Amino acid sequence: MADQALKLLNPLLIDPGAVSLRGPELESDQFRGLKRSIEAVGILENIIVYSDPNQKGKYCLIDGLQRLTIAKELGLETIPCQVRSEVTPMQVLSLQLQANFHRVDTKPAAYGRQIRRFLMEDASLTVNDIANDLGVSAAWVTQRINLHTLTPEIADKVDNGDIKASKAFWLAKLPANEQATWVTDAIK
């Protein structure tokens, strides 16, 4: 595998390239939430680039188009990058697929547990504060917080993917003694 180095680079030195897996999703809620997050705390996950073989001091993007687009929109002077050297065009395509395909999704209940921990650390925080901090709706935060009301058996079914999150949010509104009655319907 190619050598790697971590560097802070000016986003204007990075060409998004013509072979990106997908384009910037400027109108999506996730893009807007990511933008709010980057504005608040910066880029938390390195962008992956390689040295442009045709222009000394320039780079080509492998992974991180949404983050790169936001960095340019915000006028950030530097962004954290993992710079790969000596990658072939085939390796670039493979790395793009791997970076986007091999992501472990966080379970809704795990978000809920972490949000509750966050609230316990600072009792002055509100659901709206957390929603603003994360760049999501207050309903999104509330739904995940409420998942702690699920019985352990039902929570396991949600985490295993047997029950979709949208159904789990509905089940979480029911008293624990009624949840089991509706599990079969929720699975369907």
C-alpha atoms as a PDB file:
ATOM      1  CA  MET A   1       0.000   0.000   0.000  1.00  0.00           C
ATOM      2  CA  ALA A   2       1.101   3.557  -0.644  1.00  0.00           C
ATOM      3  CA  ASP A   3       2.941   5.636   1.952  1.00  0.00           C
ATOM      4  CA  GLN A   4       0.746   7.953   4.007  1.00  0.00           C
ATOM      5  CA  ALA A   5       1.356  11.241   5.765  1.00  0.00           C
ATOM      6  CA  LEU A   6      -0.944  13.505   7.762  1.00  0.00           C
ATOM      7  CA  LYS A   7      -0.850  17.160   6.714  1.00  0.00           C
ATOM      8  CA  LEU A   8      -2.869  20.315   7.052  1.00  0.00           C
ATOM      9  CA  LEU A   9      -3.564  21.486   3.492  1.00  0.00           C
ATOM     10  CA  ASN A  10      -5.270  24.477   1.946  1.00  0.00           C
ATOM     11  CA  PRO A  11      -8.503  23.115   0.426  1.00  0.00           C
ATOM     12  CA  LEU A  12      -7.917  25.248  -2.678  1.00  0.00           C
ATOM     13  CA  LEU A  13      -4.926  23.015  -3.486  1.00  0.00           C
ATOM     14  CA  ILE A  14      -7.184  19.949  -3.734  1.00  0.00           C
ATOM     15  CA  ASP A  15      -8.898  19.051  -7.003  1.00  0.00           C
ATOM     16  CA  PRO A  16     -12.120  17.109  -6.382  1.00  0.00           C
ATOM     17  CA  GLY A  17     -11.462  15.287  -9.644  1.00  0.00           C
ATOM     18  CA  ALA A  18     -13.701  13.797 -12.242  1.00  0.00           C
ATOM     19  CA  VAL A  19     -13.887  10.333 -10.692  1.00  0.00           C
ATOM     20  CA  SER A  20     -15.680  11.061  -7.422  1.00  0.00           C
ATOM     21  CA  LEU A  21     -18.069   8.366  -6.310  1.00  0.00           C
ATOM     22  CA  ARG A  22     -20.861  10.964  -6.077  1.00  0.00           C
ATOM     23  CA  GLY A  23     -21.221  14.709  -6.305  1.00  0.00           C
ATOM     24  CA  PRO A  24     -21.723  17.167  -3.461  1.00  0.00           C
ATOM     25  CA  GLU A  25     -25.175  16.745  -1.913  1.00  0.00           C
ATOM     26  CA  LEU A  26     -25.708  20.461  -1.243  1.00  0.00           C
ATOM     27  CA  GLU A  27     -29.464  20.258  -0.633  1.00  0.00           C
ATOM     28  CA  SER A  28     -29.487  17.249   1.693  1.00  0.00           C
ATOM     29  CA  ASP A  29     -30.161  17.483   5.419  1.00  0.00           C
ATOM     30  CA  GLN A  30     -26.977  15.498   6.064  1.00  0.00           C
ATOM     31  CA  PHE A  31     -24.880  18.002   4.084  1.00  0.00           C
ATOM     32  CA  ARG A  32     -26.405  20.953   5.954  1.00  0.00           C
ATOM     33  CA  GLY A  33     -25.866  19.180   9.290  1.00  0.00           C
ATOM     34  CA  LEU A  34     -22.264  18.381   8.395  1.00  0.00           C
ATOM     35  CA  LYS A  35     -21.728  22.011   7.425  1.00  0.00           C
ATOM     36  CA  ARG A  36     -23.070  23.223  10.786  1.00  0.00           C
ATOM     37  CA  SER A  37     -20.823  20.721  12.553  1.00  0.00           C
ATOM     38  CA  ILE A  38     -17.728  21.802  10.631  1.00  0.00           C
ATOM     39  CA  GLU A  39     -18.549  25.448  11.342  1.00  0.00           C
ATOM     40  CA  ALA A  40     -18.827  24.659  15.054  1.00  0.00           C
ATOM     41  CA  VAL A  41     -15.973  22.226  15.674  1.00  0.00           C
ATOM     42  CA  GLY A  42     -14.005  21.841  12.433  1.00  0.00           C
ATOM     43  CA  ILE A  43     -13.364  18.745  10.348  1.00  0.00           C
ATOM     44  CA  LEU A  44     -13.202  15.695  12.602  1.00  0.00           C
ATOM     45  CA  GLU A  45     -12.325  13.071   9.984  1.00  0.00           C
ATOM     46  CA  ASN A  46      -9.318  13.481   7.691  1.00  0.00           C
ATOM     47  CA  ILE A  47      -9.885  13.974   3.993  1.00  0.00           C
ATOM     48  CA  ILE A  48      -7.888  11.519   1.878  1.00  0.00           C
ATOM     49  CA  VAL A  49      -5.868  12.868  -1.055  1.00  0.00           C
ATOM     50  CA  TYR A  50      -2.892  11.968  -3.205  1.00  0.00           C
ATOM     51  CA  SER A  51      -0.207  14.157  -4.736  1.00  0.00           C
ATOM     52  CA  ASP A  52      -1.227  15.364  -8.188  1.00  0.00           C
ATOM     53  CA  PRO A  53       1.240  13.712 -10.570  1.00  0.00           C
ATOM     54  CA  ASN A  54       0.819  16.584 -13.072  1.00  0.00           C
ATOM     55  CA  GLN A  55       1.078  19.618 -10.757  1.00  0.00           C
ATOM     56  CA  LYS A  56       3.681  19.897  -8.028  1.00  0.00           C
ATOM     57  CA  GLY A  57       2.183  21.116  -4.744  1.00  0.00           C
ATOM     58  CA  LYS A  58      -1.375  20.178  -5.757  1.00  0.00           C
ATOM     59  CA  TYR A  59      -3.488  17.248  -4.650  1.00  0.00           C
ATOM     60  CA  CYS A  60      -6.336  15.110  -5.962  1.00  0.00           C
ATOM     61  CA  LEU A  61      -9.216  13.930  -3.820  1.00  0.00           C
ATOM     62  CA  ILE A  62      -9.780  10.291  -2.961  1.00  0.00           C
ATOM     63  CA  ASP A  63     -12.347  10.587  -0.141  1.00  0.00           C
ATOM     64  CA  GLY A  64     -14.112  13.507   1.551  1.00  0.00           C
ATOM     65  CA  LEU A  65     -15.895  15.436  -1.200  1.00  0.00           C
ATOM     66  CA  GLN A  66     -18.678  16.668   1.097  1.00  0.00           C
ATOM     67  CA  ARG A  67     -16.144  17.872   3.696  1.00  0.00           C
ATOM     68  CA  LEU A  68     -13.920  19.428   1.018  1.00  0.00           C
ATOM     69  CA  THR A  69     -16.869  21.243  -0.570  1.00  0.00           C
ATOM     70  CA  ILE A  70     -17.909  22.616   2.827  1.00  0.00           C
ATOM     71  CA  ALA A  71     -14.333  23.667   3.668  1.00  0.00           C
ATOM     72  CA  LYS A  72     -14.172  25.636   0.426  1.00  0.00           C
ATOM     73  CA  GLU A  73     -17.616  27.194   1.034  1.00  0.00           C
ATOM     74  CA  LEU A  74     -16.559  28.245   4.536  1.00  0.00           C
ATOM     75  CA  GLY A  75     -13.224  29.599   3.342  1.00  0.00           C
ATOM     76  CA  LEU A  76     -11.190  27.394   5.683  1.00  0.00           C
ATOM     77  CA  GLU A  77      -7.467  28.012   5.292  1.00  0.00           C
ATOM     78  CA  THR A  78      -6.377  24.468   6.161  1.00  0.00           C
ATOM     79  CA  ILE A  79      -8.011  21.083   6.568  1.00  0.00           C
ATOM     80  CA  PRO A  80      -6.651  17.802   7.955  1.00  0.00           C
ATOM     81  CA  CYS A  81      -5.657  15.418   5.174  1.00  0.00           C
ATOM     82  CA  GLN A  82      -4.201  11.974   4.874  1.00  0.00           C
ATOM     83  CA  VAL A  83      -1.871  12.225   1.881  1.00  0.00           C
ATOM     84  CA  ARG A  84      -1.225   9.000  -0.004  1.00  0.00           C
ATOM     85  CA  SER A  85       1.690   8.724  -2.371  1.00  0.00           C
ATOM     86  CA  GLU A  86       2.115   6.704  -5.509  1.00  0.00           C
ATOM     87  CA  VAL A  87      -1.479   5.586  -5.990  1.00  0.00           C
ATOM     88  CA  THR A  88      -2.644   4.277  -9.334  1.00  0.00           C
ATOM     89  CA  PRO A  89      -5.962   5.268 -10.911  1.00  0.00           C
ATOM     90  CA  MET A  90      -7.288   1.797 -10.040  1.00  0.00           C
ATOM     91  CA  GLN A  91      -6.245   2.228  -6.401  1.00  0.00           C
ATOM     92  CA  VAL A  92      -8.034   5.598  -6.280  1.00  0.00           C
ATOM     93  CA  LEU A  93     -11.267   3.984  -7.488  1.00  0.00           C
ATOM     94  CA  SER A  94     -10.878   1.106  -5.036  1.00  0.00           C
ATOM     95  CA  LEU A  95     -10.134   3.420  -2.107  1.00  0.00           C
ATOM     96  CA  GLN A  96     -13.203   5.553  -2.924  1.00  0.00           C
ATOM     97  CA  LEU A  97     -15.436   2.500  -2.887  1.00  0.00           C
ATOM     98  CA  GLN A  98     -13.906   1.125   0.302  1.00  0.00           C
ATOM     99  CA  ALA A  99     -14.076   4.443   2.160  1.00  0.00           C
ATOM    100  CA  ASN A 100     -17.773   4.776   1.403  1.00  0.00           C
ATOM    101  CA  PHE A 101     -18.813   1.144   1.630  1.00  0.00           C
ATOM    102  CA  HIS A 102     -17.035   0.010   4.784  1.00  0.00           C
ATOM    103  CA  ARG A 103     -18.644   2.240   7.374  1.00  0.00           C
ATOM    104  CA  VAL A 104     -20.207   0.831  10.492  1.00  0.00           C
ATOM    105  CA  ASP A 105     -23.484   2.606  11.150  1.00  0.00           C
ATOM    106  CA  THR A 106     -24.124   3.792  14.674  1.00  0.00           C
ATOM    107  CA  LYS A 107     -27.244   2.236  16.124  1.00  0.00           C
ATOM    108  CA  PRO A 108     -30.083   4.598  17.110  1.00  0.00           C
ATOM    109  CA  ALA A 109     -29.979   3.373  20.718  1.00  0.00           C
ATOM    110  CA  ALA A 110     -26.235   4.133  20.919  1.00  0.00           C
ATOM    111  CA  TYR A 111     -26.928   7.717  19.870  1.00  0.00           C
ATOM    112  CA  GLY A 112     -29.614   7.861  22.560  1.00  0.00           C
ATOM    113  CA  ARG A 113     -27.255   6.589  25.272  1.00  0.00           C
ATOM    114  CA  GLN A 114     -24.581   9.104  24.308  1.00  0.00           C
ATOM    115  CA  ILE A 115     -27.069  11.980  24.179  1.00  0.00           C
ATOM    116  CA  ARG A 116     -28.342  11.051  27.646  1.00  0.00           C
ATOM    117  CA  ARG A 117     -24.724  11.015  28.937  1.00  0.00           C
ATOM    118  CA  PHE A 118     -24.257  14.449  27.377  1.00  0.00           C
ATOM    119  CA  LEU A 119     -27.374  15.738  29.154  1.00  0.00           C
ATOM    120  CA  MET A 120     -26.219  14.276  32.474  1.00  0.00           C
ATOM    121  CA  GLU A 121     -22.875  16.096  32.166  1.00  0.00           C
ATOM    122  CA  ASP A 122     -24.607  19.459  31.753  1.00  0.00           C
ATOM    123  CA  ALA A 123     -28.129  19.680  33.147  1.00  0.00           C
ATOM    124  CA  SER A 124     -28.558  23.147  31.643  1.00  0.00           C
ATOM    125  CA  LEU A 125     -28.559  21.718  28.101  1.00  0.00           C
ATOM    126  CA  THR A 126     -31.825  21.324  26.255  1.00  0.00           C
ATOM    127  CA  VAL A 127     -32.828  19.013  23.425  1.00  0.00           C
ATOM    128  CA  ASN A 128     -32.709  22.062  21.148  1.00  0.00           C
ATOM    129  CA  ASP A 129     -29.128  22.823  22.253  1.00  0.00           C
ATOM    130  CA  ILE A 130     -28.044  19.301  21.352  1.00  0.00           C
ATOM    131  CA  ALA A 131     -29.981  19.372  18.082  1.00  0.00           C
ATOM    132  CA  ASN A 132     -28.272  22.622  17.122  1.00  0.00           C
ATOM    133  CA  ASP A 133     -24.893  21.229  18.134  1.00  0.00           C
ATOM    134  CA  LEU A 134     -25.386  18.103  16.011  1.00  0.00           C
ATOM    135  CA  GLY A 135     -27.113  19.874  13.129  1.00  0.00           C
ATOM    136  CA  VAL A 136     -30.256  17.727  13.411  1.00  0.00           C
ATOM    137  CA  SER A 137     -33.851  18.359  14.421  1.00  0.00           C
ATOM    138  CA  ALA A 138     -35.030  18.341  18.023  1.00  0.00           C
ATOM    139  CA  ALA A 139     -37.367  15.483  17.042  1.00  0.00           C
ATOM    140  CA  TRP A 140     -34.354  13.406  15.921  1.00  0.00           C
ATOM    141  CA  VAL A 141     -32.698  13.908  19.320  1.00  0.00           C
ATOM    142  CA  THR A 142     -35.893  13.207  21.265  1.00  0.00           C
ATOM    143  CA  GLN A 143     -36.611  10.020  19.318  1.00  0.00           C
ATOM    144  CA  ARG A 144     -33.201   8.599  20.138  1.00  0.00           C
ATOM    145  CA  ILE A 145     -33.332   9.640  23.781  1.00  0.00           C
ATOM    146  CA  ASN A 146     -36.700   7.910  24.132  1.00  0.00           C
ATOM    147  CA  LEU A 147     -35.333   4.569  22.908  1.00  0.00           C
ATOM    148  CA  HIS A 148     -34.166   3.869  26.471  1.00  0.00           C
ATOM    149  CA  THR A 149     -37.803   3.092  27.303  1.00  0.00           C
ATOM    150  CA  LEU A 150     -37.730  -0.019  25.107  1.00  0.00           C
ATOM    151  CA  THR A 151     -37.533  -3.359  26.857  1.00  0.00           C
ATOM    152  CA  PRO A 152     -34.085  -4.981  26.525  1.00  0.00           C
ATOM    153  CA  GLU A 153     -35.465  -7.676  24.198  1.00  0.00           C
ATOM    154  CA  ILE A 154     -36.983  -5.107  21.858  1.00  0.00           C
ATOM    155  CA  ALA A 155     -33.868  -2.908  22.023  1.00  0.00           C
ATOM    156  CA  ASP A 156     -31.824  -5.922  20.876  1.00  0.00           C
ATOM    157  CA  LYS A 157     -34.184  -6.397  17.917  1.00  0.00           C
ATOM    158  CA  VAL A 158     -33.707  -2.739  16.978  1.00  0.00           C
ATOM    159  CA  ASP A 159     -29.916  -2.981  17.248  1.00  0.00           C
ATOM    160  CA  ASN A 160     -29.915  -6.190  15.178  1.00  0.00           C
ATOM    161  CA  GLY A 161     -31.967  -4.528  12.459  1.00  0.00           C
ATOM    162  CA  ASP A 162     -35.042  -6.741  12.983  1.00  0.00           C
ATOM    163  CA  ILE A 163     -37.073  -3.631  13.832  1.00  0.00           C
ATOM    164  CA  LYS A 164     -36.509  -0.452  11.850  1.00  0.00           C
ATOM    165  CA  ALA A 165     -35.704   2.729  13.741  1.00  0.00           C
ATOM    166  CA  SER A 166     -38.944   4.411  12.633  1.00  0.00           C
ATOM    167  CA  LYS A 167     -40.945   1.571  14.213  1.00  0.00           C
ATOM    168  CA  ALA A 168     -38.745   1.601  17.312  1.00  0.00           C
ATOM    169  CA  PHE A 169     -39.477   5.288  17.873  1.00  0.00           C
ATOM    170  CA  TRP A 170     -43.176   4.450  17.772  1.00  0.00           C
ATOM    171  CA  LEU A 171     -42.777   1.480  20.162  1.00  0.00           C
ATOM    172  CA  ALA A 172     -40.784   3.644  22.589  1.00  0.00           C
ATOM    173  CA  LYS A 173     -43.871   5.801  23.113  1.00  0.00           C
ATOM    174  CA  LEU A 174     -45.784   2.823  24.526  1.00  0.00           C
ATOM    175  CA  PRO A 175     -45.652   1.658  28.133  1.00  0.00           C
ATOM    176  CA  ALA A 176     -43.206  -1.250  28.562  1.00  0.00           C
ATOM    177  CA  ASN A 177     -46.016  -3.705  29.274  1.00  0.00           C
ATOM    178  CA  GLU A 178     -47.652  -2.897  25.895  1.00  0.00           C
ATOM    179  CA  GLN A 179     -44.509  -2.928  23.746  1.00  0.00           C
ATOM    180  CA  ALA A 180     -44.359  -6.728  23.436  1.00  0.00           C
ATOM    181  CA  THR A 181     -47.920  -6.757  22.086  1.00  0.00           C
ATOM    182  CA  TRP A 182     -46.840  -4.689  19.077  1.00  0.00           C
ATOM    183  CA  VAL A 183     -43.412  -6.202  18.340  1.00  0.00           C
ATOM    184  CA  THR A 184     -44.682  -8.546  15.629  1.00  0.00           C
ATOM    185  CA  ASP A 185     -46.386  -5.659  13.847  1.00  0.00           C
ATOM    186  CA  ALA A 186     -43.247  -3.539  14.162  1.00  0.00           C
ATOM    187  CA  ILE A 187     -41.111  -6.284  12.618  1.00  0.00           C
ATOM    188  CA  LYS A 188     -43.522  -6.544   9.674  1.00  0.00           C
END
